[in-house]
Amino acid sequence: MNSEPDGDRESGRTVDPTPNPDPVLERLRAFCLSLPDTAEKETWEHPTFRVNDKIFCTYSYSAGYESDPADEPGGDPRRPTIGFKLEKEHQALLVNSDPRALVAAYVGRHGWVSFNASHADKWDDGAWMEIQELILESFDLIAPKRTLKKLAAWEADRKPLTP
């Protein structure tokens, strides 16, 4: 990645200015930017991942989740969240079956989900694979047809998990 403070203008990728990078964001970034024709852009003060300049995944902090019993007393009440778009039926199924999933504020009526990633640094490979599949659904819904053609080649070369 480019070390310019405002990012690499050619690729559209931004530089994470934090001295101690977030391992969840790093894993999410590696996956999202491995998809064809993608770029990262900071919007609303958090990373967004885009295809054809349309957002398919976000990473931010939210206070919209109930307290988690695994949290330390006096800890930060904000929750890291991964945002993605799903078909409306899939959104309803996920929100009703997984307590980590909420209908996203503002854009939830369009199928967007906010997924609590508070303990994502402890997720096993199966949980990460589930998130990757949800993000791929979002990518499929948003990417133009010419990019979806490239996705077939990407899927053929896809490793089981991103590092």
C-alpha atoms as a PDB file:
ATOM      1  CA  MET A   1       0.000   0.000   0.000  1.00  0.00           C
ATOM      2  CA  ASN A   2       0.974   3.565  -0.539  1.00  0.00           C
ATOM      3  CA  SER A   3       2.166   5.490   2.506  1.00  0.00           C
ATOM      4  CA  GLU A   4       0.649   8.829   1.437  1.00  0.00           C
ATOM      5  CA  PRO A   5      -1.741  10.110   4.131  1.00  0.00           C
ATOM      6  CA  ASP A   6      -4.599  10.475   1.659  1.00  0.00           C
ATOM      7  CA  GLY A   7      -4.051   7.076   0.043  1.00  0.00           C
ATOM      8  CA  ASP A   8      -3.083   5.704  -3.320  1.00  0.00           C
ATOM      9  CA  ARG A   9      -4.987   7.758  -5.863  1.00  0.00           C
ATOM     10  CA  GLU A  10      -4.615   5.193  -8.668  1.00  0.00           C
ATOM     11  CA  SER A  11      -6.080   2.204  -6.836  1.00  0.00           C
ATOM     12  CA  GLY A  12      -8.491   4.145  -4.649  1.00  0.00           C
ATOM     13  CA  ARG A  13      -7.127   2.372  -1.573  1.00  0.00           C
ATOM     14  CA  THR A  14      -6.644   4.349   1.592  1.00  0.00           C
ATOM     15  CA  VAL A  15      -3.982   3.935   4.218  1.00  0.00           C
ATOM     16  CA  ASP A  16      -4.926   2.891   7.738  1.00  0.00           C
ATOM     17  CA  PRO A  17      -3.454   5.717   9.846  1.00  0.00           C
ATOM     18  CA  THR A  18      -3.676   3.836  13.154  1.00  0.00           C
ATOM     19  CA  PRO A  19      -0.302   2.871  14.623  1.00  0.00           C
ATOM     20  CA  ASN A  20      -1.705  -0.508  15.792  1.00  0.00           C
ATOM     21  CA  PRO A  21      -3.776  -1.873  12.920  1.00  0.00           C
ATOM     22  CA  ASP A  22      -7.019  -3.625  13.759  1.00  0.00           C
ATOM     23  CA  PRO A  23      -6.546  -7.352  12.951  1.00  0.00           C
ATOM     24  CA  VAL A  24     -10.244  -7.744  12.088  1.00  0.00           C
ATOM     25  CA  LEU A  25     -10.096  -4.828   9.669  1.00  0.00           C
ATOM     26  CA  GLU A  26      -6.871  -6.188   8.171  1.00  0.00           C
ATOM     27  CA  ARG A  27      -8.484  -9.571   7.500  1.00  0.00           C
ATOM     28  CA  LEU A  28     -11.641  -7.962   6.125  1.00  0.00           C
ATOM     29  CA  ARG A  29      -9.576  -5.619   3.953  1.00  0.00           C
ATOM     30  CA  ALA A  30      -7.491  -8.487   2.544  1.00  0.00           C
ATOM     31  CA  PHE A  31     -10.631 -10.343   1.511  1.00  0.00           C
ATOM     32  CA  CYS A  32     -12.564  -7.380   0.102  1.00  0.00           C
ATOM     33  CA  LEU A  33      -9.620  -6.040  -1.883  1.00  0.00           C
ATOM     34  CA  SER A  34      -8.940  -9.501  -3.335  1.00  0.00           C
ATOM     35  CA  LEU A  35     -12.250  -9.275  -5.216  1.00  0.00           C
ATOM     36  CA  PRO A  36     -12.090  -7.960  -8.793  1.00  0.00           C
ATOM     37  CA  ASP A  37     -12.331  -4.211  -9.473  1.00  0.00           C
ATOM     38  CA  THR A  38     -12.515  -3.232  -5.796  1.00  0.00           C
ATOM     39  CA  ALA A  39     -11.180  -0.239  -3.916  1.00  0.00           C
ATOM     40  CA  GLU A  40     -11.195   1.022  -0.362  1.00  0.00           C
ATOM     41  CA  LYS A  41     -12.325   4.541   0.407  1.00  0.00           C
ATOM     42  CA  GLU A  42     -12.808   6.244   3.742  1.00  0.00           C
ATOM     43  CA  THR A  43     -16.362   7.535   4.010  1.00  0.00           C
ATOM     44  CA  TRP A  44     -18.107   8.791   7.143  1.00  0.00           C
ATOM     45  CA  GLU A  45     -14.738   8.383   8.902  1.00  0.00           C
ATOM     46  CA  HIS A  46     -14.545   4.618   8.372  1.00  0.00           C
ATOM     47  CA  PRO A  47     -13.393   2.236   5.640  1.00  0.00           C
ATOM     48  CA  THR A  48     -15.801   1.306   2.890  1.00  0.00           C
ATOM     49  CA  PHE A  49     -15.104  -1.274   0.221  1.00  0.00           C
ATOM     50  CA  ARG A  50     -16.430  -0.512  -3.238  1.00  0.00           C
ATOM     51  CA  VAL A  51     -16.909  -1.957  -6.666  1.00  0.00           C
ATOM     52  CA  ASN A  52     -17.555   0.497  -9.487  1.00  0.00           C
ATOM     53  CA  ASP A  53     -17.548   3.187  -6.751  1.00  0.00           C
ATOM     54  CA  LYS A  54     -20.588   1.563  -5.078  1.00  0.00           C
ATOM     55  CA  ILE A  55     -20.259   0.316  -1.493  1.00  0.00           C
ATOM     56  CA  PHE A  56     -20.580  -3.430  -0.952  1.00  0.00           C
ATOM     57  CA  CYS A  57     -19.019  -3.673   2.536  1.00  0.00           C
ATOM     58  CA  THR A  58     -18.271  -1.340   5.449  1.00  0.00           C
ATOM     59  CA  TYR A  59     -16.374  -1.520   8.722  1.00  0.00           C
ATOM     60  CA  SER A  60     -17.297   0.845  11.511  1.00  0.00           C
ATOM     61  CA  TYR A  61     -18.088   1.165  15.199  1.00  0.00           C
ATOM     62  CA  SER A  62     -21.650   1.199  16.474  1.00  0.00           C
ATOM     63  CA  ALA A  63     -23.321   1.517  19.865  1.00  0.00           C
ATOM     64  CA  GLY A  64     -26.471  -0.221  18.641  1.00  0.00           C
ATOM     65  CA  TYR A  65     -25.844  -3.628  20.229  1.00  0.00           C
ATOM     66  CA  GLU A  66     -26.809  -4.775  23.704  1.00  0.00           C
ATOM     67  CA  SER A  67     -24.064  -5.336  26.241  1.00  0.00           C
ATOM     68  CA  ASP A  68     -22.131  -8.523  25.683  1.00  0.00           C
ATOM     69  CA  PRO A  69     -21.464 -10.644  28.795  1.00  0.00           C
ATOM     70  CA  ALA A  70     -17.984 -11.430  27.441  1.00  0.00           C
ATOM     71  CA  ASP A  71     -17.042  -7.738  27.596  1.00  0.00           C
ATOM     72  CA  GLU A  72     -14.866  -6.414  30.366  1.00  0.00           C
ATOM     73  CA  PRO A  73     -16.521  -4.073  32.888  1.00  0.00           C
ATOM     74  CA  GLY A  74     -15.870  -0.469  31.980  1.00  0.00           C
ATOM     75  CA  GLY A  75     -14.918  -1.399  28.416  1.00  0.00           C
ATOM     76  CA  ASP A  76     -15.660   0.602  25.301  1.00  0.00           C
ATOM     77  CA  PRO A  77     -19.421   0.384  24.566  1.00  0.00           C
ATOM     78  CA  ARG A  78     -18.858   0.807  20.827  1.00  0.00           C
ATOM     79  CA  ARG A  79     -18.996  -2.357  18.749  1.00  0.00           C
ATOM     80  CA  PRO A  80     -17.002  -3.004  15.592  1.00  0.00           C
ATOM     81  CA  THR A  81     -19.470  -3.856  12.843  1.00  0.00           C
ATOM     82  CA  ILE A  82     -19.215  -5.251   9.355  1.00  0.00           C
ATOM     83  CA  GLY A  83     -21.907  -3.940   7.035  1.00  0.00           C
ATOM     84  CA  PHE A  84     -23.124  -5.643   3.874  1.00  0.00           C
ATOM     85  CA  LYS A  85     -26.196  -5.861   1.662  1.00  0.00           C
ATOM     86  CA  LEU A  86     -28.317  -8.995   1.277  1.00  0.00           C
ATOM     87  CA  GLU A  87     -31.474  -9.968  -0.531  1.00  0.00           C
ATOM     88  CA  LYS A  88     -34.351  -8.794   1.707  1.00  0.00           C
ATOM     89  CA  GLU A  89     -35.436 -12.374   2.500  1.00  0.00           C
ATOM     90  CA  HIS A  90     -31.892 -13.350   3.471  1.00  0.00           C
ATOM     91  CA  GLN A  91     -31.576 -10.204   5.585  1.00  0.00           C
ATOM     92  CA  ALA A  92     -34.751 -11.138   7.525  1.00  0.00           C
ATOM     93  CA  LEU A  93     -33.587 -14.732   8.000  1.00  0.00           C
ATOM     94  CA  LEU A  94     -30.143 -13.671   9.255  1.00  0.00           C
ATOM     95  CA  VAL A  95     -31.440 -10.956  11.604  1.00  0.00           C
ATOM     96  CA  ASN A  96     -33.985 -13.379  13.091  1.00  0.00           C
ATOM     97  CA  SER A  97     -31.516 -16.243  13.530  1.00  0.00           C
ATOM     98  CA  ASP A  98     -28.213 -14.620  14.528  1.00  0.00           C
ATOM     99  CA  PRO A  99     -28.007 -12.200  17.482  1.00  0.00           C
ATOM    100  CA  ARG A 100     -24.899 -10.600  15.949  1.00  0.00           C
ATOM    101  CA  ALA A 101     -26.972  -9.315  13.001  1.00  0.00           C
ATOM    102  CA  LEU A 102     -29.129  -6.192  13.039  1.00  0.00           C
ATOM    103  CA  VAL A 103     -31.005  -4.362  10.319  1.00  0.00           C
ATOM    104  CA  ALA A 104     -28.649  -1.481   9.515  1.00  0.00           C
ATOM    105  CA  ALA A 105     -29.678   2.039  10.433  1.00  0.00           C
ATOM    106  CA  TYR A 106     -30.745   4.263   7.528  1.00  0.00           C
ATOM    107  CA  VAL A 107     -30.142   1.683   4.756  1.00  0.00           C
ATOM    108  CA  GLY A 108     -31.665  -1.427   6.320  1.00  0.00           C
ATOM    109  CA  ARG A 109     -34.808  -1.060   4.222  1.00  0.00           C
ATOM    110  CA  HIS A 110     -32.593  -1.780   1.211  1.00  0.00           C
ATOM    111  CA  GLY A 111     -31.297  -5.067   2.663  1.00  0.00           C
ATOM    112  CA  TRP A 112     -28.250  -3.797   4.563  1.00  0.00           C
ATOM    113  CA  VAL A 113     -27.143  -5.623   7.725  1.00  0.00           C
ATOM    114  CA  SER A 114     -24.833  -4.492  10.531  1.00  0.00           C
ATOM    115  CA  PHE A 115     -22.987  -7.528  11.846  1.00  0.00           C
ATOM    116  CA  ASN A 116     -21.436  -7.328  15.318  1.00  0.00           C
ATOM    117  CA  ALA A 117     -17.735  -8.117  14.969  1.00  0.00           C
ATOM    118  CA  SER A 118     -16.827  -7.536  18.639  1.00  0.00           C
ATOM    119  CA  HIS A 119     -15.132 -10.891  18.987  1.00  0.00           C
ATOM    120  CA  ALA A 120     -14.133 -11.417  15.354  1.00  0.00           C
ATOM    121  CA  ASP A 121     -10.479 -11.641  16.366  1.00  0.00           C
ATOM    122  CA  LYS A 122     -11.453 -14.933  18.054  1.00  0.00           C
ATOM    123  CA  TRP A 123     -13.642 -16.295  15.212  1.00  0.00           C
ATOM    124  CA  ASP A 124     -12.599 -19.620  13.771  1.00  0.00           C
ATOM    125  CA  ASP A 125     -12.156 -20.185  10.048  1.00  0.00           C
ATOM    126  CA  GLY A 126     -15.774 -21.355   9.721  1.00  0.00           C
ATOM    127  CA  ALA A 127     -17.104 -18.046  11.064  1.00  0.00           C
ATOM    128  CA  TRP A 128     -14.833 -16.095   8.716  1.00  0.00           C
ATOM    129  CA  MET A 129     -15.985 -18.224   5.787  1.00  0.00           C
ATOM    130  CA  GLU A 130     -19.600 -17.370   6.698  1.00  0.00           C
ATOM    131  CA  ILE A 131     -18.786 -13.641   6.692  1.00  0.00           C
ATOM    132  CA  GLN A 132     -16.960 -13.964   3.376  1.00  0.00           C
ATOM    133  CA  GLU A 133     -20.011 -15.654   1.827  1.00  0.00           C
ATOM    134  CA  LEU A 134     -22.277 -12.844   3.089  1.00  0.00           C
ATOM    135  CA  ILE A 135     -19.893 -10.242   1.664  1.00  0.00           C
ATOM    136  CA  LEU A 136     -19.830 -12.127  -1.649  1.00  0.00           C
ATOM    137  CA  GLU A 137     -23.626 -11.938  -1.771  1.00  0.00           C
ATOM    138  CA  SER A 138     -23.369  -8.186  -1.254  1.00  0.00           C
ATOM    139  CA  PHE A 139     -20.725  -7.948  -3.979  1.00  0.00           C
ATOM    140  CA  ASP A 140     -22.952  -9.952  -6.357  1.00  0.00           C
ATOM    141  CA  LEU A 141     -25.865  -7.579  -5.720  1.00  0.00           C
ATOM    142  CA  ILE A 142     -23.806  -4.445  -6.352  1.00  0.00           C
ATOM    143  CA  ALA A 143     -21.115  -5.269  -8.929  1.00  0.00           C
ATOM    144  CA  PRO A 144     -21.715  -4.543 -12.619  1.00  0.00           C
ATOM    145  CA  LYS A 145     -22.093  -7.493 -14.996  1.00  0.00           C
ATOM    146  CA  ARG A 146     -18.608  -7.033 -16.464  1.00  0.00           C
ATOM    147  CA  THR A 147     -17.101  -7.414 -12.986  1.00  0.00           C
ATOM    148  CA  LEU A 148     -19.266 -10.432 -12.188  1.00  0.00           C
ATOM    149  CA  LYS A 149     -17.725 -12.133 -15.236  1.00  0.00           C
ATOM    150  CA  LYS A 150     -14.297 -11.579 -13.639  1.00  0.00           C
ATOM    151  CA  LEU A 151     -15.623 -12.997 -10.366  1.00  0.00           C
ATOM    152  CA  ALA A 152     -15.968 -16.457 -11.942  1.00  0.00           C
ATOM    153  CA  ALA A 153     -12.206 -16.519 -12.587  1.00  0.00           C
ATOM    154  CA  TRP A 154     -11.571 -15.151  -9.087  1.00  0.00           C
ATOM    155  CA  GLU A 155     -13.696 -17.941  -7.551  1.00  0.00           C
ATOM    156  CA  ALA A 156     -11.815 -20.588  -9.545  1.00  0.00           C
ATOM    157  CA  ASP A 157      -8.518 -19.302  -8.095  1.00  0.00           C
ATOM    158  CA  ARG A 158      -9.932 -18.646  -4.612  1.00  0.00           C
ATOM    159  CA  LYS A 159      -8.090 -20.129  -1.705  1.00  0.00           C
ATOM    160  CA  PRO A 160     -10.268 -21.598   1.052  1.00  0.00           C
ATOM    161  CA  LEU A 161      -9.617 -18.604   3.349  1.00  0.00           C
ATOM    162  CA  THR A 162      -7.789 -15.322   3.141  1.00  0.00           C
ATOM    163  CA  PRO A 163      -4.954 -14.979   5.660  1.00  0.00           C
END
